[in-house]
Protein backbone atom coordinates (compact mmCIF):
# COMPACT_ATOMS: atom_id res chain seq x y z
CA MET A 1 0.00 0.00 0.00
CA THR A 2 1.32 3.44 -0.89
CA SER A 3 1.28 6.26 1.62
CA GLY A 4 -1.62 8.68 1.83
CA HIS A 5 0.69 11.40 0.56
CA ASP A 6 1.41 9.40 -2.59
CA ASN A 7 -2.28 8.63 -3.06
CA ALA A 8 -3.06 12.36 -3.10
CA ARG A 9 -0.64 12.94 -5.97
CA PHE A 10 -1.38 12.75 -9.70
CA GLU A 11 1.95 11.95 -11.35
CA GLY A 12 1.36 10.09 -14.59
CA LYS A 13 -2.34 11.02 -14.63
CA ILE A 14 -4.22 12.92 -17.34
CA ALA A 15 -7.02 15.17 -16.04
CA TRP A 16 -9.63 16.68 -18.38
CA ILE A 17 -11.38 19.62 -16.75
CA THR A 18 -14.24 21.35 -18.55
CA GLY A 19 -14.84 25.04 -17.96
CA SER A 20 -11.27 25.47 -16.75
CA GLY A 21 -10.49 28.82 -18.34
CA ARG A 22 -11.43 30.70 -15.18
CA GLY A 23 -13.17 30.44 -11.83
CA MET A 24 -13.44 27.10 -10.08
CA GLY A 25 -12.32 25.13 -13.14
CA LYS A 26 -9.09 27.10 -13.32
CA ALA A 27 -8.48 26.44 -9.63
CA HIS A 28 -9.10 22.70 -10.13
CA ALA A 29 -6.68 22.63 -13.06
CA LEU A 30 -3.88 24.44 -11.25
CA LEU A 31 -4.20 22.39 -8.07
CA MET A 32 -4.06 19.09 -9.94
CA ALA A 33 -1.13 20.32 -12.01
CA GLU A 34 0.68 21.31 -8.81
CA ARG A 35 0.11 17.75 -7.61
CA GLY A 36 1.56 16.23 -10.76
CA ALA A 37 -1.22 15.84 -13.35
CA ASP A 38 -1.08 16.79 -17.01
CA ILE A 39 -4.17 18.86 -17.79
CA VAL A 40 -6.68 19.30 -20.59
CA VAL A 41 -7.81 22.91 -20.25
CA HIS A 42 -11.23 22.89 -21.92
CA ASP A 43 -13.19 26.11 -22.23
CA VAL A 44 -15.02 28.12 -24.88
CA LEU A 45 -13.06 31.14 -23.61
CA GLU A 46 -10.06 30.65 -25.87
CA ALA A 47 -7.75 33.35 -24.51
CA GLU A 48 -8.42 32.42 -20.89
CA ALA A 49 -7.87 28.72 -21.57
CA ALA A 50 -4.56 29.48 -23.26
CA GLU A 51 -3.45 31.54 -20.26
CA VAL A 52 -4.28 28.72 -17.84
CA ALA A 53 -2.39 26.27 -20.01
CA ALA A 54 0.64 28.56 -19.92
CA GLU A 55 0.49 28.62 -16.12
CA ILE A 56 0.34 24.83 -16.04
CA ARG A 57 3.37 24.51 -18.30
CA LYS A 58 5.30 26.82 -15.97
CA LEU A 59 4.60 24.23 -13.26
CA GLY A 60 6.41 21.68 -15.40
CA ARG A 61 3.29 19.82 -16.52
CA ARG A 62 1.88 19.24 -19.98
CA ALA A 63 -1.27 21.11 -21.01
CA LEU A 64 -3.60 20.68 -23.97
CA VAL A 65 -6.06 23.47 -24.82
CA ALA A 66 -9.52 22.56 -26.13
CA ASN A 67 -12.39 24.87 -27.07
CA ASP A 68 -14.82 22.24 -28.41
CA ASP A 69 -18.56 22.36 -27.79
CA ILE A 70 -19.42 20.01 -24.92
CA VAL A 71 -23.00 19.67 -26.14
CA SER A 72 -21.86 17.87 -29.31
CA PRO A 73 -21.35 14.12 -28.81
CA ALA A 74 -19.29 13.88 -32.00
CA ALA A 75 -17.03 16.73 -30.88
CA MET A 76 -16.50 15.14 -27.47
CA LYS A 77 -15.60 11.75 -28.97
CA ALA A 78 -13.16 13.47 -31.30
CA LEU A 79 -11.67 15.45 -28.40
CA ALA A 80 -11.23 12.32 -26.29
CA ALA A 81 -9.34 10.73 -29.20
CA ARG A 82 -7.19 13.84 -29.57
CA ILE A 83 -6.36 13.86 -25.87
CA GLU A 84 -5.35 10.20 -25.97
CA LYS A 85 -3.14 10.81 -29.01
CA GLU A 86 -1.42 13.94 -27.65
CA LEU A 87 -1.27 13.28 -23.89
CA GLY A 88 -2.57 9.79 -23.20
CA PRO A 89 -5.88 8.28 -22.09
CA VAL A 90 -7.97 10.32 -19.66
CA ASP A 91 -7.67 9.13 -16.05
CA ILE A 92 -9.71 11.93 -14.47
CA LEU A 93 -12.68 13.83 -15.85
CA VAL A 94 -14.02 16.84 -13.99
CA ASN A 95 -17.35 17.98 -15.45
CA ASN A 96 -17.13 21.56 -14.26
CA ALA A 97 -18.45 23.66 -17.18
CA GLY A 98 -21.53 25.63 -16.24
CA ILE A 99 -23.56 28.80 -16.59
CA GLY A 100 -25.60 30.80 -14.11
CA ASP A 101 -28.94 32.58 -14.28
CA HIS A 102 -31.13 34.09 -11.55
CA LYS A 103 -34.61 34.39 -13.00
CA LYS A 104 -38.04 33.67 -11.57
CA ILE A 105 -40.03 30.95 -13.30
CA GLU A 106 -42.12 33.41 -15.32
CA GLU A 107 -38.96 35.03 -16.69
CA ILE A 108 -37.23 31.87 -17.93
CA THR A 109 -37.48 31.63 -21.71
CA PRO A 110 -37.50 28.32 -23.56
CA GLU A 111 -34.08 29.23 -24.94
CA ALA A 112 -32.65 29.92 -21.45
CA TYR A 113 -34.14 26.68 -20.12
CA GLN A 114 -32.67 24.64 -22.99
CA ARG A 115 -29.24 26.25 -22.71
CA MET A 116 -29.12 25.53 -18.98
CA PHE A 117 -29.81 21.83 -19.46
CA ASP A 118 -27.59 21.62 -22.54
CA ILE A 119 -24.49 22.84 -20.69
CA HIS A 120 -24.99 21.14 -17.34
CA VAL A 121 -26.69 17.87 -18.30
CA LYS A 122 -25.89 17.16 -21.95
CA GLY A 123 -22.35 18.45 -21.54
CA THR A 124 -21.73 16.28 -18.50
CA PHE A 125 -23.28 13.28 -20.23
CA PHE A 126 -21.43 13.50 -23.54
CA CYS A 127 -18.02 14.28 -22.00
CA THR A 128 -18.40 11.28 -19.71
CA GLN A 129 -19.66 9.03 -22.50
CA SER A 130 -16.54 9.85 -24.51
CA VAL A 131 -14.06 8.70 -21.83
CA VAL A 132 -15.84 5.65 -20.42
CA PRO A 133 -14.76 3.10 -23.07
CA ALA A 134 -11.03 3.73 -22.48
CA MET A 135 -11.53 3.84 -18.71
CA LYS A 136 -13.31 0.48 -18.85
CA GLN A 137 -10.53 -0.98 -20.96
CA ARG A 138 -7.92 0.04 -18.41
CA GLY A 139 -10.06 -0.72 -15.34
CA TYR A 140 -9.50 2.73 -13.86
CA GLY A 141 -11.20 6.11 -13.80
CA ARG A 142 -12.21 9.05 -11.67
CA ILE A 143 -15.19 11.18 -12.68
CA VAL A 144 -16.10 14.21 -10.58
CA ASN A 145 -19.30 16.04 -11.51
CA ILE A 146 -19.75 19.60 -10.28
CA SER A 147 -23.32 20.04 -9.11
CA SER A 148 -24.43 22.67 -6.58
CA ILE A 149 -25.92 22.99 -3.12
CA TRP A 150 -29.01 24.20 -5.01
CA GLY A 151 -29.20 20.88 -6.82
CA MET A 152 -29.76 19.35 -3.39
CA THR A 153 -31.89 21.97 -1.66
CA GLY A 154 -33.40 24.14 -4.37
CA THR A 155 -33.81 27.86 -3.90
CA ASN A 156 -36.41 30.56 -4.53
CA THR A 157 -35.04 31.51 -7.93
CA ALA A 158 -33.25 29.92 -10.89
CA SER A 159 -35.37 26.78 -10.90
CA HIS A 160 -33.91 25.73 -14.27
CA TYR A 161 -30.42 25.88 -12.74
CA CYS A 162 -31.56 23.89 -9.69
CA GLY A 163 -33.19 21.29 -11.94
CA ALA A 164 -30.12 20.92 -14.14
CA LYS A 165 -27.80 20.55 -11.14
CA ALA A 166 -30.16 17.99 -9.59
CA ALA A 167 -30.03 16.04 -12.85
CA VAL A 168 -26.23 15.96 -12.55
CA LEU A 169 -26.66 14.26 -9.18
CA GLY A 170 -28.92 11.67 -10.78
CA LEU A 171 -26.28 10.93 -13.39
CA THR A 172 -23.66 10.65 -10.65
CA LYS A 173 -25.59 8.04 -8.70
CA ALA A 174 -26.48 5.99 -11.78
CA TRP A 175 -22.95 6.01 -13.22
CA ALA A 176 -21.46 5.11 -9.84
CA LYS A 177 -23.44 1.86 -9.84
CA GLU A 178 -23.02 1.16 -13.55
CA LEU A 179 -19.26 1.74 -13.73
CA ALA A 180 -18.10 0.38 -10.39
CA PRO A 181 -17.19 -3.08 -11.81
CA TRP A 182 -14.45 -1.36 -13.85
CA LYS A 183 -13.09 0.55 -10.82
CA ILE A 184 -14.42 3.83 -12.19
CA MET A 185 -15.39 6.02 -9.25
CA VAL A 186 -18.06 8.66 -9.89
CA ASN A 187 -18.80 11.37 -7.33
CA ALA A 188 -20.13 14.91 -7.15
CA VAL A 189 -19.09 18.14 -5.50
CA CYS A 190 -21.93 20.51 -4.64
CA PRO A 191 -20.48 23.88 -3.70
CA GLY A 192 -22.25 26.52 -1.72
CA GLY A 193 -21.43 30.12 -2.55
CA VAL A 194 -18.07 30.62 -4.24
CA ILE A 195 -16.42 33.92 -5.12
CA THR A 196 -15.88 33.60 -8.88
CA GLU A 197 -16.53 35.76 -11.92
CA MET A 198 -19.93 34.17 -12.62
CA PRO A 199 -21.79 35.02 -9.38
CA ILE A 200 -20.15 38.44 -9.26
CA ARG A 201 -21.49 39.12 -12.76
CA VAL A 202 -24.93 37.53 -12.27
CA GLN A 203 -25.69 38.63 -8.69
CA GLY A 204 -23.36 41.51 -7.85
CA TRP A 205 -21.35 42.15 -4.70
CA ASP A 206 -24.23 43.59 -2.64
CA LYS A 207 -26.30 40.43 -2.99
CA ILE A 208 -23.26 38.22 -2.37
CA ARG A 209 -22.41 40.09 0.87
CA GLU A 210 -26.00 39.73 2.03
CA LYS A 211 -25.96 35.99 1.33
CA GLU A 212 -22.66 35.58 3.16
CA LYS A 213 -24.40 36.63 6.37
CA LYS A 214 -26.46 33.40 6.23
CA VAL A 215 -23.35 31.18 6.15
CA PRO A 216 -22.35 30.00 9.65
CA ILE A 217 -18.65 30.66 9.01
CA GLY A 218 -19.57 34.10 7.66
CA ARG A 219 -18.31 34.00 4.10
CA TRP A 220 -18.42 32.31 0.72
CA ALA A 221 -15.60 30.03 -0.41
CA GLN A 222 -12.58 30.87 -2.49
CA PRO A 223 -12.36 28.64 -5.60
CA GLU A 224 -9.35 26.76 -4.23
CA GLU A 225 -11.39 25.61 -1.23
CA ILE A 226 -13.71 23.74 -3.59
CA SER A 227 -10.76 22.34 -5.52
CA TYR A 228 -9.51 20.46 -2.46
CA SER A 229 -12.73 18.39 -2.44
CA VAL A 230 -12.50 17.82 -6.19
CA ALA A 231 -8.86 16.74 -5.94
CA PHE A 232 -9.65 14.35 -3.09
CA LEU A 233 -12.40 12.61 -5.05
CA ALA A 234 -10.17 12.48 -8.13
CA SER A 235 -7.31 10.90 -6.18
CA ASP A 236 -6.55 7.36 -5.11
CA GLU A 237 -7.38 8.39 -1.55
CA ALA A 238 -11.00 8.06 -2.72
CA ALA A 239 -10.60 4.55 -4.15
CA PHE A 240 -13.48 3.24 -2.00
CA ILE A 241 -15.80 6.23 -2.47
CA THR A 242 -18.36 6.32 -5.26
CA GLY A 243 -21.86 7.70 -5.77
CA GLN A 244 -21.34 10.35 -3.11
CA ALA A 245 -21.85 14.11 -2.98
CA ILE A 246 -19.63 16.44 -0.97
CA SER A 247 -21.04 19.90 -0.31
CA PRO A 248 -18.40 22.42 0.83
CA ASN A 249 -20.73 25.21 1.90
CA GLY A 250 -19.48 26.63 5.20
CA GLY A 251 -22.30 24.95 7.08
CA GLU A 252 -25.02 26.86 5.26
CA THR A 253 -27.05 23.71 4.80
CA ILE A 254 -26.23 20.21 6.03
CA VAL A 255 -26.81 17.95 3.05
CA GLY A 256 -25.50 14.76 1.50
CA PHE A 257 -26.43 11.40 0.04
């Protein structure tokens, strides 16, 4: 048995992280690179993704930049093949790409509803579908789906976001059972409030500061604090954990599977 320290490292591992051009995804990518992984920086934000890849290379790790549409199953299969050719087969997939929206039910257009489910549910599904065959062949895989505390509890706005994030939890539980025979562990991280570009843009600082007052520890998380949970579930320290949801939320709500 290797030491716990070794099990928390990612040397020789390839990690594909969607939505890693900024925010939480960027934090996940940099933490895993610091711990030894080579990273697929996948984001529609081309300039931001390139910048993250440059930071990863400065850490001495390999980085591949991808800007492909996660909603396209053909594009995701092609990207998985490209990753395997250029870096090697994917060991870790972090389905992090997401969008935010804070509208009441009457304000949600069909287009906004569809886009929400396309990114969070279809994107998670098709990225995962593209890596499973190779993971099965090798008898190893770590899949970490980024859901949300609101996927567990709901909230009084953004019902399409809550529904999409709840669907991600359903996929997590089903895949955990389906893929366990191949030693593919599938788990979810359900963050509470996190200080990233998206909530700052969608909600604004005044609303964020008001919401922070409801958190027992008195603040929202920094992106890196969510990345520690992601890295744990992606590591060999979590070799006996599957189908679970971790919710780093400062004690705002006590939830879990």
